[in-house]
PDB file of N, CA and C in Angstrom:
ATOM      1  N   UNK A   1       0.833  -1.187   0.000  1.00  0.00           N
ATOM      2  CA  UNK A   1       0.000   0.000   0.000  1.00  0.00           C
ATOM      3  C   UNK A   1       0.878   1.251   0.000  1.00  0.00           C
ATOM      4  N   UNK A   2       2.012   1.193   0.692  1.00  0.00           N
ATOM      5  CA  UNK A   2       2.898   2.354   0.718  1.00  0.00           C
ATOM      6  C   UNK A   2       3.481   2.622  -0.667  1.00  0.00           C
ATOM      7  N   UNK A   3       3.907   1.557  -1.355  1.00  0.00           N
ATOM      8  CA  UNK A   3       4.452   1.720  -2.704  1.00  0.00           C
ATOM      9  C   UNK A   3       3.364   2.204  -3.662  1.00  0.00           C
ATOM     10  N   UNK A   4       2.152   1.735  -3.470  1.00  0.00           N
ATOM     11  CA  UNK A   4       1.031   2.182  -4.295  1.00  0.00           C
ATOM     12  C   UNK A   4       0.805   3.680  -4.101  1.00  0.00           C
ATOM     13  N   UNK A   5       0.813   4.130  -2.861  1.00  0.00           N
ATOM     14  CA  UNK A   5       0.599   5.545  -2.558  1.00  0.00           C
ATOM     15  C   UNK A   5       1.722   6.413  -3.108  1.00  0.00           C
ATOM     16  N   UNK A   6       2.949   5.888  -3.105  1.00  0.00           N
ATOM     17  CA  UNK A   6       4.099   6.651  -3.615  1.00  0.00           C
ATOM     18  C   UNK A   6       4.171   6.634  -5.138  1.00  0.00           C
ATOM     19  N   UNK A   7       3.427   5.715  -5.767  1.00  0.00           N
ATOM     20  CA  UNK A   7       3.487   5.587  -7.216  1.00  0.00           C
ATOM     21  C   UNK A   7       4.643   4.731  -7.686  1.00  0.00           C
ATOM     22  N   UNK A   8       5.208   3.926  -6.788  1.00  0.00           N
ATOM     23  CA  UNK A   8       6.358   3.093  -7.149  1.00  0.00           C
ATOM     24  C   UNK A   8       6.031   1.602  -7.135  1.00  0.00           C
ATOM     25  N   UNK A   9       4.761   1.250  -6.976  1.00  0.00           N
ATOM     26  CA  UNK A   9       4.374  -0.162  -6.894  1.00  0.00           C
ATOM     27  C   UNK A   9       4.535  -0.843  -8.256  1.00  0.00           C
ATOM     28  N   UNK A  10       5.044  -2.058  -8.220  1.00  0.00           N
ATOM     29  CA  UNK A  10       5.138  -2.850  -9.448  1.00  0.00           C
ATOM     30  C   UNK A  10       3.729  -3.277  -9.868  1.00  0.00           C
ATOM     31  N   UNK A  11       3.615  -3.831 -11.054  1.00  0.00           N
ATOM     32  CA  UNK A  11       2.315  -4.311 -11.523  1.00  0.00           C
ATOM     33  C   UNK A  11       1.750  -5.349 -10.554  1.00  0.00           C
ATOM     34  N   UNK A  12       2.601  -6.244 -10.087  1.00  0.00           N
ATOM     35  CA  UNK A  12       2.151  -7.267  -9.141  1.00  0.00           C
ATOM     36  C   UNK A  12       1.683  -6.635  -7.827  1.00  0.00           C
ATOM     37  N   UNK A  13       2.439  -5.671  -7.316  1.00  0.00           N
ATOM     38  CA  UNK A  13       2.066  -5.002  -6.074  1.00  0.00           C
ATOM     39  C   UNK A  13       0.746  -4.254  -6.229  1.00  0.00           C
ATOM     40  N   UNK A  14       0.523  -3.663  -7.395  1.00  0.00           N
ATOM     41  CA  UNK A  14      -0.736  -2.971  -7.645  1.00  0.00           C
ATOM     42  C   UNK A  14      -1.912  -3.941  -7.602  1.00  0.00           C
ATOM     43  N   UNK A  15      -1.744  -5.111  -8.232  1.00  0.00           N
ATOM     44  CA  UNK A  15      -2.816  -6.119  -8.222  1.00  0.00           C
ATOM     45  C   UNK A  15      -3.081  -6.633  -6.818  1.00  0.00           C
ATOM     46  N   UNK A  16      -2.016  -6.853  -6.041  1.00  0.00           N
ATOM     47  CA  UNK A  16      -2.167  -7.327  -4.662  1.00  0.00           C
ATOM     48  C   UNK A  16      -2.893  -6.272  -3.824  1.00  0.00           C
ATOM     49  N   UNK A  17      -2.530  -5.008  -3.991  1.00  0.00           N
ATOM     50  CA  UNK A  17      -3.169  -3.930  -3.227  1.00  0.00           C
ATOM     51  C   UNK A  17      -4.645  -3.813  -3.584  1.00  0.00           C
ATOM     52  N   UNK A  18      -4.965  -3.851  -4.870  1.00  0.00           N
ATOM     53  CA  UNK A  18      -6.361  -3.762  -5.286  1.00  0.00           C
ATOM     54  C   UNK A  18      -7.152  -4.957  -4.783  1.00  0.00           C
ATOM     55  N   UNK A  19      -6.564  -6.133  -4.854  1.00  0.00           N
ATOM     56  CA  UNK A  19      -7.226  -7.337  -4.348  1.00  0.00           C
ATOM     57  C   UNK A  19      -7.511  -7.200  -2.850  1.00  0.00           C
ATOM     58  N   UNK A  20      -6.552  -6.686  -2.092  1.00  0.00           N
ATOM     59  CA  UNK A  20      -6.755  -6.513  -0.655  1.00  0.00           C
ATOM     60  C   UNK A  20      -7.878  -5.517  -0.376  1.00  0.00           C
ATOM     61  N   UNK A  21      -7.873  -4.410  -1.107  1.00  0.00           N
ATOM     62  CA  UNK A  21      -8.917  -3.399  -0.913  1.00  0.00           C
ATOM     63  C   UNK A  21     -10.287  -3.986  -1.238  1.00  0.00           C
ATOM     64  N   UNK A  22     -10.383  -4.663  -2.379  1.00  0.00           N
ATOM     65  CA  UNK A  22     -11.676  -5.176  -2.843  1.00  0.00           C
ATOM     66  C   UNK A  22     -12.210  -6.311  -1.976  1.00  0.00           C
ATOM     67  N   UNK A  23     -11.364  -7.263  -1.652  1.00  0.00           N
ATOM     68  CA  UNK A  23     -11.870  -8.490  -1.035  1.00  0.00           C
ATOM     69  C   UNK A  23     -11.605  -8.614   0.456  1.00  0.00           C
ATOM     70  N   UNK A  24     -10.722  -7.804   1.013  1.00  0.00           N
ATOM     71  CA  UNK A  24     -10.444  -7.891   2.446  1.00  0.00           C
ATOM     72  C   UNK A  24     -10.950  -6.647   3.169  1.00  0.00           C
ATOM     73  N   UNK A  25     -10.534  -5.473   2.694  1.00  0.00           N
ATOM     74  CA  UNK A  25     -10.927  -4.242   3.388  1.00  0.00           C
ATOM     75  C   UNK A  25     -12.404  -3.923   3.175  1.00  0.00           C
ATOM     76  N   UNK A  26     -12.867  -3.943   1.917  1.00  0.00           N
ATOM     77  CA  UNK A  26     -14.273  -3.607   1.674  1.00  0.00           C
ATOM     78  C   UNK A  26     -15.187  -4.808   1.850  1.00  0.00           C
ATOM     79  N   UNK A  27     -14.648  -6.006   1.597  1.00  0.00           N
ATOM     80  CA  UNK A  27     -15.433  -7.234   1.750  1.00  0.00           C
ATOM     81  C   UNK A  27     -16.761  -7.113   1.016  1.00  0.00           C
ATOM     82  N   UNK A  28     -16.718  -6.524  -0.179  1.00  0.00           N
ATOM     83  CA  UNK A  28     -17.950  -6.159  -0.866  1.00  0.00           C
ATOM     84  C   UNK A  28     -18.781  -7.336  -1.346  1.00  0.00           C
ATOM     85  N   UNK A  29     -18.212  -8.512  -1.437  1.00  0.00           N
ATOM     86  CA  UNK A  29     -18.990  -9.679  -1.856  1.00  0.00           C
ATOM     87  C   UNK A  29     -19.650 -10.398  -0.680  1.00  0.00           C
ATOM     88  N   UNK A  30     -19.325  -9.985   0.532  1.00  0.00           N
ATOM     89  CA  UNK A  30     -19.888 -10.605   1.724  1.00  0.00           C
ATOM     90  C   UNK A  30     -21.305 -10.101   1.966  1.00  0.00           C
ATOM     91  N   UNK A  31     -22.112 -10.896   2.645  1.00  0.00           N
ATOM     92  CA  UNK A  31     -23.444 -10.467   3.070  1.00  0.00           C
ATOM     93  C   UNK A  31     -23.265  -9.441   4.181  1.00  0.00           C
ATOM     94  N   UNK A  32     -23.763  -8.206   4.005  1.00  0.00           N
ATOM     95  CA  UNK A  32     -23.513  -7.171   5.014  1.00  0.00           C
ATOM     96  C   UNK A  32     -24.388  -7.279   6.253  1.00  0.00           C
ATOM     97  N   UNK A  33     -25.476  -8.036   6.199  1.00  0.00           N
ATOM     98  CA  UNK A  33     -26.383  -8.109   7.352  1.00  0.00           C
ATOM     99  C   UNK A  33     -25.682  -8.703   8.564  1.00  0.00           C
ATOM    100  N   UNK A  34     -25.806  -8.018   9.691  1.00  0.00           N
ATOM    101  CA  UNK A  34     -25.262  -8.492  10.961  1.00  0.00           C
ATOM    102  C   UNK A  34     -26.401  -8.536  11.971  1.00  0.00           C
ATOM    103  N   UNK A  35     -26.760  -9.709  12.448  1.00  0.00           N
ATOM    104  CA  UNK A  35     -27.858  -9.800  13.420  1.00  0.00           C
ATOM    105  C   UNK A  35     -27.443  -9.231  14.777  1.00  0.00           C
ATOM    106  N   UNK A  36     -28.426  -8.889  15.601  1.00  0.00           N
ATOM    107  CA  UNK A  36     -28.100  -8.506  16.968  1.00  0.00           C
ATOM    108  C   UNK A  36     -28.675  -7.197  17.444  1.00  0.00           C
ATOM    109  N   UNK A  37     -29.931  -6.897  17.163  1.00  0.00           N
ATOM    110  CA  UNK A  37     -30.556  -5.694  17.695  1.00  0.00           C
ATOM    111  C   UNK A  37     -29.859  -4.427  17.259  1.00  0.00           C
ATOM    112  N   UNK A  38     -29.758  -3.450  18.183  1.00  0.00           N
ATOM    113  CA  UNK A  38     -29.128  -2.164  17.851  1.00  0.00           C
ATOM    114  C   UNK A  38     -27.666  -2.329  17.463  1.00  0.00           C
ATOM    115  N   UNK A  39     -26.960  -3.189  18.180  1.00  0.00           N
ATOM    116  CA  UNK A  39     -25.550  -3.409  17.861  1.00  0.00           C
ATOM    117  C   UNK A  39     -25.411  -4.017  16.469  1.00  0.00           C
ATOM    118  N   UNK A  40     -26.280  -4.978  16.146  1.00  0.00           N
ATOM    119  CA  UNK A  40     -26.260  -5.586  14.821  1.00  0.00           C
ATOM    120  C   UNK A  40     -26.584  -4.585  13.740  1.00  0.00           C
ATOM    121  N   UNK A  41     -27.492  -3.663  14.047  1.00  0.00           N
ATOM    122  CA  UNK A  41     -27.866  -2.629  13.091  1.00  0.00           C
ATOM    123  C   UNK A  41     -26.669  -1.738  12.771  1.00  0.00           C
ATOM    124  N   UNK A  42     -25.939  -1.321  13.793  1.00  0.00           N
ATOM    125  CA  UNK A  42     -24.743  -0.502  13.562  1.00  0.00           C
ATOM    126  C   UNK A  42     -23.699  -1.287  12.771  1.00  0.00           C
ATOM    127  N   UNK A  43     -23.537  -2.562  13.114  1.00  0.00           N
ATOM    128  CA  UNK A  43     -22.569  -3.401  12.404  1.00  0.00           C
ATOM    129  C   UNK A  43     -22.982  -3.582  10.943  1.00  0.00           C
ATOM    130  N   UNK A  44     -24.296  -3.720  10.707  1.00  0.00           N
ATOM    131  CA  UNK A  44     -24.793  -3.849   9.336  1.00  0.00           C
ATOM    132  C   UNK A  44     -24.520  -2.579   8.548  1.00  0.00           C
ATOM    133  N   UNK A  45     -24.801  -1.430   9.136  1.00  0.00           N
ATOM    134  CA  UNK A  45     -24.570  -0.155   8.460  1.00  0.00           C
ATOM    135  C   UNK A  45     -23.088   0.023   8.155  1.00  0.00           C
ATOM    136  N   UNK A  46     -22.237  -0.338   9.092  1.00  0.00           N
ATOM    137  CA  UNK A  46     -20.793  -0.241   8.867  1.00  0.00           C
ATOM    138  C   UNK A  46     -20.372  -1.167   7.722  1.00  0.00           C
ATOM    139  N   UNK A  47     -20.888  -2.399   7.719  1.00  0.00           N
ATOM    140  CA  UNK A  47     -20.557  -3.353   6.655  1.00  0.00           C
ATOM    141  C   UNK A  47     -21.056  -2.846   5.302  1.00  0.00           C
ATOM    142  N   UNK A  48     -22.224  -2.214   5.276  1.00  0.00           N
ATOM    143  CA  UNK A  48     -22.741  -1.647   4.028  1.00  0.00           C
ATOM    144  C   UNK A  48     -21.840  -0.520   3.521  1.00  0.00           C
ATOM    145  N   UNK A  49     -21.324   0.287   4.433  1.00  0.00           N
ATOM    146  CA  UNK A  49     -20.403   1.350   4.040  1.00  0.00           C
ATOM    147  C   UNK A  49     -19.122   0.805   3.439  1.00  0.00           C
ATOM    148  N   UNK A  50     -18.581  -0.229   4.066  1.00  0.00           N
ATOM    149  CA  UNK A  50     -17.380  -0.870   3.528  1.00  0.00           C
ATOM    150  C   UNK A  50     -17.657  -1.445   2.145  1.00  0.00           C
ATOM    151  N   UNK A  51     -18.784  -2.139   2.009  1.00  0.00           N
ATOM    152  CA  UNK A  51     -19.128  -2.777   0.738  1.00  0.00           C
ATOM    153  C   UNK A  51     -19.347  -1.731  -0.354  1.00  0.00           C
ATOM    154  N   UNK A  52     -19.877  -0.569   0.023  1.00  0.00           N
ATOM    155  CA  UNK A  52     -20.098   0.501  -0.947  1.00  0.00           C
ATOM    156  C   UNK A  52     -18.791   0.884  -1.632  1.00  0.00           C
ATOM    157  N   UNK A  53     -17.729   0.986  -0.862  1.00  0.00           N
ATOM    158  CA  UNK A  53     -16.423   1.327  -1.424  1.00  0.00           C
ATOM    159  C   UNK A  53     -16.008   0.284  -2.460  1.00  0.00           C
ATOM    160  N   UNK A  54     -16.137  -0.993  -2.117  1.00  0.00           N
ATOM    161  CA  UNK A  54     -15.784  -2.058  -3.042  1.00  0.00           C
ATOM    162  C   UNK A  54     -16.635  -2.039  -4.302  1.00  0.00           C
ATOM    163  N   UNK A  55     -17.940  -1.770  -4.145  1.00  0.00           N
ATOM    164  CA  UNK A  55     -18.822  -1.723  -5.318  1.00  0.00           C
ATOM    165  C   UNK A  55     -18.468  -0.551  -6.230  1.00  0.00           C
ATOM    166  N   UNK A  56     -18.094   0.581  -5.647  1.00  0.00           N
ATOM    167  CA  UNK A  56     -17.714   1.732  -6.462  1.00  0.00           C
ATOM    168  C   UNK A  56     -16.436   1.440  -7.241  1.00  0.00           C
ATOM    169  N   UNK A  57     -15.480   0.790  -6.608  1.00  0.00           N
ATOM    170  CA  UNK A  57     -14.245   0.416  -7.313  1.00  0.00           C
ATOM    171  C   UNK A  57     -14.564  -0.572  -8.426  1.00  0.00           C
ATOM    172  N   UNK A  58     -15.405  -1.576  -8.133  1.00  0.00           N
ATOM    173  CA  UNK A  58     -15.787  -2.564  -9.150  1.00  0.00           C
ATOM    174  C   UNK A  58     -16.467  -1.872 -10.326  1.00  0.00           C
ATOM    175  N   UNK A  59     -17.317  -0.898 -10.044  1.00  0.00           N
ATOM    176  CA  UNK A  59     -17.992  -0.161 -11.111  1.00  0.00           C
ATOM    177  C   UNK A  59     -16.974   0.584 -11.966  1.00  0.00           C
ATOM    178  N   UNK A  60     -16.000   1.227 -11.329  1.00  0.00           N
ATOM    179  CA  UNK A  60     -14.983   1.955 -12.083  1.00  0.00           C
ATOM    180  C   UNK A  60     -14.106   1.026 -12.918  1.00  0.00           C
ATOM    181  N   UNK A  61     -13.890  -0.183 -12.425  1.00  0.00           N
ATOM    182  CA  UNK A  61     -13.082  -1.147 -13.168  1.00  0.00           C
ATOM    183  C   UNK A  61     -13.806  -1.653 -14.411  1.00  0.00           C
ATOM    184  N   UNK A  62     -15.128  -1.527 -14.430  1.00  0.00           N
ATOM    185  CA  UNK A  62     -15.923  -2.056 -15.540  1.00  0.00           C
ATOM    186  C   UNK A  62     -16.584  -0.981 -16.394  1.00  0.00           C
ATOM    187  N   UNK A  63     -16.292   0.279 -16.134  1.00  0.00           N
ATOM    188  CA  UNK A  63     -16.920   1.365 -16.885  1.00  0.00           C
ATOM    189  C   UNK A  63     -16.383   1.402 -18.319  1.00  0.00           C
ATOM    190  N   UNK A  64     -17.238   1.783 -19.228  1.00  0.00           N
ATOM    191  CA  UNK A  64     -16.857   1.906 -20.628  1.00  0.00           C
ATOM    192  C   UNK A  64     -16.171   3.267 -20.813  1.00  0.00           C
ATOM    193  N   UNK A  65     -14.852   3.267 -20.908  1.00  0.00           N
ATOM    194  CA  UNK A  65     -14.090   4.512 -20.980  1.00  0.00           C
ATOM    195  C   UNK A  65     -14.354   5.295 -22.259  1.00  0.00           C
ATOM    196  N   UNK A  66     -14.693   4.620 -23.347  1.00  0.00           N
ATOM    197  CA  UNK A  66     -14.974   5.339 -24.591  1.00  0.00           C
ATOM    198  C   UNK A  66     -16.234   6.184 -24.451  1.00  0.00           C
ATOM    199  N   UNK A  67     -17.193   5.729 -23.650  1.00  0.00           N
ATOM    200  CA  UNK A  67     -18.404   6.510 -23.412  1.00  0.00           C
ATOM    201  C   UNK A  67     -18.069   7.744 -22.590  1.00  0.00           C
ATOM    202  N   UNK A  68     -17.211   7.571 -21.584  1.00  0.00           N
ATOM    203  CA  UNK A  68     -16.809   8.722 -20.767  1.00  0.00           C
ATOM    204  C   UNK A  68     -16.087   9.764 -21.610  1.00  0.00           C
ATOM    205  N   UNK A  69     -15.265   9.314 -22.533  1.00  0.00           N
ATOM    206  CA  UNK A  69     -14.507  10.242 -23.374  1.00  0.00           C
ATOM    207  C   UNK A  69     -15.441  11.078 -24.242  1.00  0.00           C
ATOM    208  N   UNK A  70     -16.581  10.495 -24.626  1.00  0.00           N
ATOM    209  CA  UNK A  70     -17.563  11.225 -25.442  1.00  0.00           C
ATOM    210  C   UNK A  70     -18.464  12.097 -24.580  1.00  0.00           C
ATOM    211  N   UNK A  71     -18.478  11.852 -23.275  1.00  0.00           N
ATOM    212  CA  UNK A  71     -19.290  12.672 -22.383  1.00  0.00           C
ATOM    213  C   UNK A  71     -20.733  12.233 -22.260  1.00  0.00           C
ATOM    214  N   UNK A  72     -21.080  11.030 -22.709  1.00  0.00           N
ATOM    215  CA  UNK A  72     -22.459  10.548 -22.620  1.00  0.00           C
ATOM    216  C   UNK A  72     -22.602   9.410 -21.652  1.00  0.00           C
ATOM    217  N   UNK A  73     -23.835   8.959 -21.500  1.00  0.00           N
ATOM    218  CA  UNK A  73     -24.102   7.784 -20.671  1.00  0.00           C
ATOM    219  C   UNK A  73     -23.964   6.542 -21.528  1.00  0.00           C
ATOM    220  N   UNK A  74     -23.915   5.349 -20.884  1.00  0.00           N
ATOM    221  CA  UNK A  74     -23.818   4.113 -21.644  1.00  0.00           C
ATOM    222  C   UNK A  74     -24.886   4.060 -22.730  1.00  0.00           C
ATOM    223  N   UNK A  75     -24.456   3.835 -23.943  1.00  0.00           N
ATOM    224  CA  UNK A  75     -25.394   3.698 -25.060  1.00  0.00           C
ATOM    225  C   UNK A  75     -25.790   4.999 -25.716  1.00  0.00           C
ATOM    226  N   UNK A  76     -25.408   6.135 -25.163  1.00  0.00           N
ATOM    227  CA  UNK A  76     -25.765   7.431 -25.736  1.00  0.00           C
ATOM    228  C   UNK A  76     -24.619   7.974 -26.578  1.00  0.00           C
ATOM    229  N   UNK A  77     -24.962   8.733 -27.565  1.00  0.00           N
ATOM    230  CA  UNK A  77     -23.971   9.465 -28.338  1.00  0.00           C
ATOM    231  C   UNK A  77     -23.928  10.888 -27.806  1.00  0.00           C
ATOM    232  N   UNK A  78     -22.750  11.419 -27.602  1.00  0.00           N
ATOM    233  CA  UNK A  78     -22.626  12.780 -27.071  1.00  0.00           C
ATOM    234  C   UNK A  78     -22.680  13.782 -28.192  1.00  0.00           C
TER     235      UNK A  78
END
């Protein structure tokens, strides 16, 4: 993560860092529901926040860059 932040990470280090963010830190593929009354509710909300980060990264990894370059939405001509 330090090499990634400095801009000196190798291709392998970049993949490892992204994998850690996506699947360990954000845990976005996990079920966010946490049982347990008020405490479970707070834990669920926290898990949803973490997962949101992972989903946003996944969305950016799959966005159609040619559409962004034209300034339109998916399927639209700018």
